[in-house]
């Protein structure tokens, strides 16, 4: 496809039936390395998501390409900041899906400022965030629950 605007991308609330595909996304070793993320085993993943699904303070959406679940996007609070996070299945990388999904999400998520954390080596995600108006504010951010000091994380902000 020549333009992300031509993609049939929509968002909908995450349902329990979506969790298996989201679990598979977060155990893909290439995706895990790119995100500098520690995957959960199946039981821990399902327990984590059971809490998210009933938490009214978390905005949680699946990303659909047509009728296919290709990722998820969330707004949640961590460390006193309102943070967004997203995950696109690797087979769909490089097609403009993350940019389009984040644009759609920001249209429905009123909270500002919003923050995003991205691993230094994840240049594609950094570009997505900057394209959507996020500004780099810290080049060596370390949240308490993120991977160790060998991973450099950037903190970006979408101002109010």
C-alpha atoms as a PDB file:
ATOM      1  CA  UNK A   1       0.000   0.000   0.000  1.00  0.00           C
ATOM      2  CA  UNK A   2       1.358   3.365  -0.916  1.00  0.00           C
ATOM      3  CA  UNK A   3      -0.149   5.397   1.910  1.00  0.00           C
ATOM      4  CA  UNK A   4      -0.996   4.747   5.518  1.00  0.00           C
ATOM      5  CA  UNK A   5      -4.275   6.630   4.937  1.00  0.00           C
ATOM      6  CA  UNK A   6      -5.352   3.836   2.573  1.00  0.00           C
ATOM      7  CA  UNK A   7      -4.972   1.214   5.295  1.00  0.00           C
ATOM      8  CA  UNK A   8      -8.229  -0.110   6.750  1.00  0.00           C
ATOM      9  CA  UNK A   9      -7.081   0.468  10.334  1.00  0.00           C
ATOM     10  CA  UNK A  10      -9.600   0.705  13.158  1.00  0.00           C
ATOM     11  CA  UNK A  11      -9.502   0.424  16.926  1.00  0.00           C
ATOM     12  CA  UNK A  12     -11.921  -1.392  19.197  1.00  0.00           C
ATOM     13  CA  UNK A  13     -12.068  -2.349  22.844  1.00  0.00           C
ATOM     14  CA  UNK A  14      -9.903  -5.319  23.759  1.00  0.00           C
ATOM     15  CA  UNK A  15     -11.892  -8.443  24.521  1.00  0.00           C
ATOM     16  CA  UNK A  16     -10.850 -11.679  26.172  1.00  0.00           C
ATOM     17  CA  UNK A  17     -10.950 -13.421  22.774  1.00  0.00           C
ATOM     18  CA  UNK A  18      -8.083 -11.155  21.602  1.00  0.00           C
ATOM     19  CA  UNK A  19      -5.640 -12.214  24.295  1.00  0.00           C
ATOM     20  CA  UNK A  20      -4.173 -15.259  22.540  1.00  0.00           C
ATOM     21  CA  UNK A  21      -2.954 -13.225  19.555  1.00  0.00           C
ATOM     22  CA  UNK A  22      -1.629 -10.486  21.874  1.00  0.00           C
ATOM     23  CA  UNK A  23       0.197 -13.162  23.866  1.00  0.00           C
ATOM     24  CA  UNK A  24       1.772 -14.513  20.672  1.00  0.00           C
ATOM     25  CA  UNK A  25       2.930 -11.008  19.715  1.00  0.00           C
ATOM     26  CA  UNK A  26       4.726 -10.495  23.041  1.00  0.00           C
ATOM     27  CA  UNK A  27       6.638 -13.789  22.901  1.00  0.00           C
ATOM     28  CA  UNK A  28       8.077 -13.213  19.418  1.00  0.00           C
ATOM     29  CA  UNK A  29      11.856 -13.016  20.058  1.00  0.00           C
ATOM     30  CA  UNK A  30      12.550 -10.384  17.376  1.00  0.00           C
ATOM     31  CA  UNK A  31       9.755  -8.152  18.678  1.00  0.00           C
ATOM     32  CA  UNK A  32      10.903  -8.648  22.261  1.00  0.00           C
ATOM     33  CA  UNK A  33      14.455  -7.596  21.345  1.00  0.00           C
ATOM     34  CA  UNK A  34      13.232  -4.534  19.444  1.00  0.00           C
ATOM     35  CA  UNK A  35      11.029  -3.405  22.329  1.00  0.00           C
ATOM     36  CA  UNK A  36      13.624  -4.326  24.996  1.00  0.00           C
ATOM     37  CA  UNK A  37      10.768  -6.072  26.756  1.00  0.00           C
ATOM     38  CA  UNK A  38      10.714  -9.071  29.069  1.00  0.00           C
ATOM     39  CA  UNK A  39       7.913 -11.374  27.886  1.00  0.00           C
ATOM     40  CA  UNK A  40       5.549 -13.032  30.320  1.00  0.00           C
ATOM     41  CA  UNK A  41       4.765 -16.733  30.326  1.00  0.00           C
ATOM     42  CA  UNK A  42       1.192 -17.570  29.341  1.00  0.00           C
ATOM     43  CA  UNK A  43      -0.227 -17.724  32.880  1.00  0.00           C
ATOM     44  CA  UNK A  44       1.424 -14.460  33.939  1.00  0.00           C
ATOM     45  CA  UNK A  45       0.302 -12.783  30.709  1.00  0.00           C
ATOM     46  CA  UNK A  46      -3.321 -13.854  31.181  1.00  0.00           C
ATOM     47  CA  UNK A  47      -3.277 -12.782  34.837  1.00  0.00           C
ATOM     48  CA  UNK A  48      -1.802  -9.387  33.883  1.00  0.00           C
ATOM     49  CA  UNK A  49      -4.426  -8.848  31.183  1.00  0.00           C
ATOM     50  CA  UNK A  50      -7.303  -9.985  33.408  1.00  0.00           C
ATOM     51  CA  UNK A  51      -6.461  -6.983  35.620  1.00  0.00           C
ATOM     52  CA  UNK A  52      -6.136  -4.608  32.663  1.00  0.00           C
ATOM     53  CA  UNK A  53      -9.472  -5.643  31.156  1.00  0.00           C
ATOM     54  CA  UNK A  54     -11.400  -4.687  34.304  1.00  0.00           C
ATOM     55  CA  UNK A  55      -9.404  -1.527  35.065  1.00  0.00           C
ATOM     56  CA  UNK A  56     -11.497   1.516  34.091  1.00  0.00           C
ATOM     57  CA  UNK A  57      -8.425   3.758  34.405  1.00  0.00           C
ATOM     58  CA  UNK A  58      -6.720   2.095  31.422  1.00  0.00           C
ATOM     59  CA  UNK A  59      -7.725   2.911  27.855  1.00  0.00           C
ATOM     60  CA  UNK A  60      -7.141  -0.320  25.929  1.00  0.00           C
ATOM     61  CA  UNK A  61      -7.767  -1.016  22.261  1.00  0.00           C
ATOM     62  CA  UNK A  62      -6.891  -3.666  19.728  1.00  0.00           C
ATOM     63  CA  UNK A  63      -5.608  -2.496  16.383  1.00  0.00           C
ATOM     64  CA  UNK A  64      -7.477  -4.032  13.474  1.00  0.00           C
ATOM     65  CA  UNK A  65      -6.386  -4.264   9.848  1.00  0.00           C
ATOM     66  CA  UNK A  66      -9.723  -5.039   8.286  1.00  0.00           C
ATOM     67  CA  UNK A  67     -11.043  -7.744  10.618  1.00  0.00           C
ATOM     68  CA  UNK A  68      -7.596  -9.006  11.697  1.00  0.00           C
ATOM     69  CA  UNK A  69      -6.133  -8.163  15.113  1.00  0.00           C
ATOM     70  CA  UNK A  70      -2.619  -6.892  14.353  1.00  0.00           C
ATOM     71  CA  UNK A  71      -1.715  -5.240  17.644  1.00  0.00           C
ATOM     72  CA  UNK A  72      -2.810  -3.311  20.690  1.00  0.00           C
ATOM     73  CA  UNK A  73      -2.490   0.186  22.081  1.00  0.00           C
ATOM     74  CA  UNK A  74      -3.027   1.391  25.637  1.00  0.00           C
ATOM     75  CA  UNK A  75      -2.927   4.402  27.940  1.00  0.00           C
ATOM     76  CA  UNK A  76      -2.057   3.606  31.545  1.00  0.00           C
ATOM     77  CA  UNK A  77      -0.428   5.160  34.570  1.00  0.00           C
ATOM     78  CA  UNK A  78       3.063   4.095  35.623  1.00  0.00           C
ATOM     79  CA  UNK A  79       5.422   5.900  37.931  1.00  0.00           C
ATOM     80  CA  UNK A  80       3.064   8.848  38.269  1.00  0.00           C
ATOM     81  CA  UNK A  81       2.859   9.594  34.546  1.00  0.00           C
ATOM     82  CA  UNK A  82       0.190   8.837  31.945  1.00  0.00           C
ATOM     83  CA  UNK A  83       1.918   6.584  29.450  1.00  0.00           C
ATOM     84  CA  UNK A  84       0.981   5.068  26.117  1.00  0.00           C
ATOM     85  CA  UNK A  85       2.259   1.817  24.754  1.00  0.00           C
ATOM     86  CA  UNK A  86       1.584  -0.150  21.614  1.00  0.00           C
ATOM     87  CA  UNK A  87       2.609  -3.432  20.058  1.00  0.00           C
ATOM     88  CA  UNK A  88       2.283  -4.398  16.412  1.00  0.00           C
ATOM     89  CA  UNK A  89       2.699  -8.010  15.323  1.00  0.00           C
ATOM     90  CA  UNK A  90       6.045  -8.289  13.518  1.00  0.00           C
ATOM     91  CA  UNK A  91       4.472  -9.584  10.312  1.00  0.00           C
ATOM     92  CA  UNK A  92       2.822  -6.148   9.993  1.00  0.00           C
ATOM     93  CA  UNK A  93       5.859  -3.937  10.645  1.00  0.00           C
ATOM     94  CA  UNK A  94       6.778  -1.306   8.071  1.00  0.00           C
ATOM     95  CA  UNK A  95       3.277  -0.769   6.691  1.00  0.00           C
ATOM     96  CA  UNK A  96       2.316   2.428   8.525  1.00  0.00           C
ATOM     97  CA  UNK A  97      -0.003   0.600  10.926  1.00  0.00           C
ATOM     98  CA  UNK A  98       1.578   1.968  14.116  1.00  0.00           C
ATOM     99  CA  UNK A  99       1.428   5.562  12.853  1.00  0.00           C
ATOM    100  CA  UNK A 100      -2.198   5.256  11.797  1.00  0.00           C
ATOM    101  CA  UNK A 101      -3.239   3.443  14.985  1.00  0.00           C
ATOM    102  CA  UNK A 102      -1.516   5.997  17.216  1.00  0.00           C
ATOM    103  CA  UNK A 103      -3.141   8.852  15.289  1.00  0.00           C
ATOM    104  CA  UNK A 104      -6.569   7.256  15.777  1.00  0.00           C
ATOM    105  CA  UNK A 105      -5.867   6.556  19.453  1.00  0.00           C
ATOM    106  CA  UNK A 106      -4.812  10.142  20.148  1.00  0.00           C
ATOM    107  CA  UNK A 107      -8.110  11.333  18.646  1.00  0.00           C
ATOM    108  CA  UNK A 108     -10.075   9.414  21.303  1.00  0.00           C
ATOM    109  CA  UNK A 109      -7.690   9.715  24.278  1.00  0.00           C
ATOM    110  CA  UNK A 110      -8.154  13.143  25.892  1.00  0.00           C
ATOM    111  CA  UNK A 111      -5.473  12.933  28.600  1.00  0.00           C
ATOM    112  CA  UNK A 112      -2.464  15.215  28.115  1.00  0.00           C
ATOM    113  CA  UNK A 113       0.352  15.285  28.651  1.00  0.00           C
ATOM    114  CA  UNK A 114       1.022  11.712  27.567  1.00  0.00           C
ATOM    115  CA  UNK A 115       4.375   9.990  27.727  1.00  0.00           C
ATOM    116  CA  UNK A 116       5.974   7.129  25.840  1.00  0.00           C
ATOM    117  CA  UNK A 117       9.103   5.128  26.556  1.00  0.00           C
ATOM    118  CA  UNK A 118      11.038   3.664  23.646  1.00  0.00           C
ATOM    119  CA  UNK A 119      14.311   1.750  23.515  1.00  0.00           C
ATOM    120  CA  UNK A 120      17.094   3.760  21.879  1.00  0.00           C
ATOM    121  CA  UNK A 121      17.604   1.096  19.188  1.00  0.00           C
ATOM    122  CA  UNK A 122      13.901   1.089  18.212  1.00  0.00           C
ATOM    123  CA  UNK A 123      14.225   3.819  15.584  1.00  0.00           C
ATOM    124  CA  UNK A 124      10.953   2.936  13.843  1.00  0.00           C
ATOM    125  CA  UNK A 125       8.903   3.421  17.006  1.00  0.00           C
ATOM    126  CA  UNK A 126      10.743   6.653  17.768  1.00  0.00           C
ATOM    127  CA  UNK A 127       9.781   7.934  14.288  1.00  0.00           C
ATOM    128  CA  UNK A 128       6.132   6.925  14.838  1.00  0.00           C
ATOM    129  CA  UNK A 129       5.974   8.828  18.118  1.00  0.00           C
ATOM    130  CA  UNK A 130       7.670  11.948  16.729  1.00  0.00           C
ATOM    131  CA  UNK A 131       5.410  11.887  13.659  1.00  0.00           C
ATOM    132  CA  UNK A 132       2.422  11.967  16.028  1.00  0.00           C
ATOM    133  CA  UNK A 133       3.727  14.984  17.955  1.00  0.00           C
ATOM    134  CA  UNK A 134       5.721  13.400  20.789  1.00  0.00           C
ATOM    135  CA  UNK A 135       8.904  15.254  21.739  1.00  0.00           C
ATOM    136  CA  UNK A 136      12.034  13.645  23.179  1.00  0.00           C
ATOM    137  CA  UNK A 137      12.581  14.934  26.730  1.00  0.00           C
ATOM    138  CA  UNK A 138      15.029  12.419  28.262  1.00  0.00           C
ATOM    139  CA  UNK A 139      17.663  10.329  26.467  1.00  0.00           C
ATOM    140  CA  UNK A 140      18.558   8.097  29.408  1.00  0.00           C
ATOM    141  CA  UNK A 141      15.264   7.410  31.141  1.00  0.00           C
ATOM    142  CA  UNK A 142      15.062   4.437  33.488  1.00  0.00           C
ATOM    143  CA  UNK A 143      11.707   3.425  34.947  1.00  0.00           C
ATOM    144  CA  UNK A 144      11.896   1.052  37.888  1.00  0.00           C
ATOM    145  CA  UNK A 145      10.214  -1.843  36.082  1.00  0.00           C
ATOM    146  CA  UNK A 146      12.024  -1.621  32.737  1.00  0.00           C
ATOM    147  CA  UNK A 147      15.036  -3.695  31.627  1.00  0.00           C
ATOM    148  CA  UNK A 148      18.419  -3.056  33.220  1.00  0.00           C
ATOM    149  CA  UNK A 149      21.023  -0.353  32.650  1.00  0.00           C
ATOM    150  CA  UNK A 150      22.300  -1.971  29.436  1.00  0.00           C
ATOM    151  CA  UNK A 151      19.137  -0.716  27.694  1.00  0.00           C
ATOM    152  CA  UNK A 152      18.947   3.007  26.988  1.00  0.00           C
ATOM    153  CA  UNK A 153      15.368   4.229  26.971  1.00  0.00           C
ATOM    154  CA  UNK A 154      14.073   7.503  25.618  1.00  0.00           C
ATOM    155  CA  UNK A 155      11.190   9.308  27.298  1.00  0.00           C
ATOM    156  CA  UNK A 156       8.940  11.272  24.973  1.00  0.00           C
ATOM    157  CA  UNK A 157       6.096  13.624  25.798  1.00  0.00           C
ATOM    158  CA  UNK A 158       2.983  14.685  23.945  1.00  0.00           C
ATOM    159  CA  UNK A 159       2.416  18.064  25.617  1.00  0.00           C
ATOM    160  CA  UNK A 160      -0.919  19.394  26.828  1.00  0.00           C
END
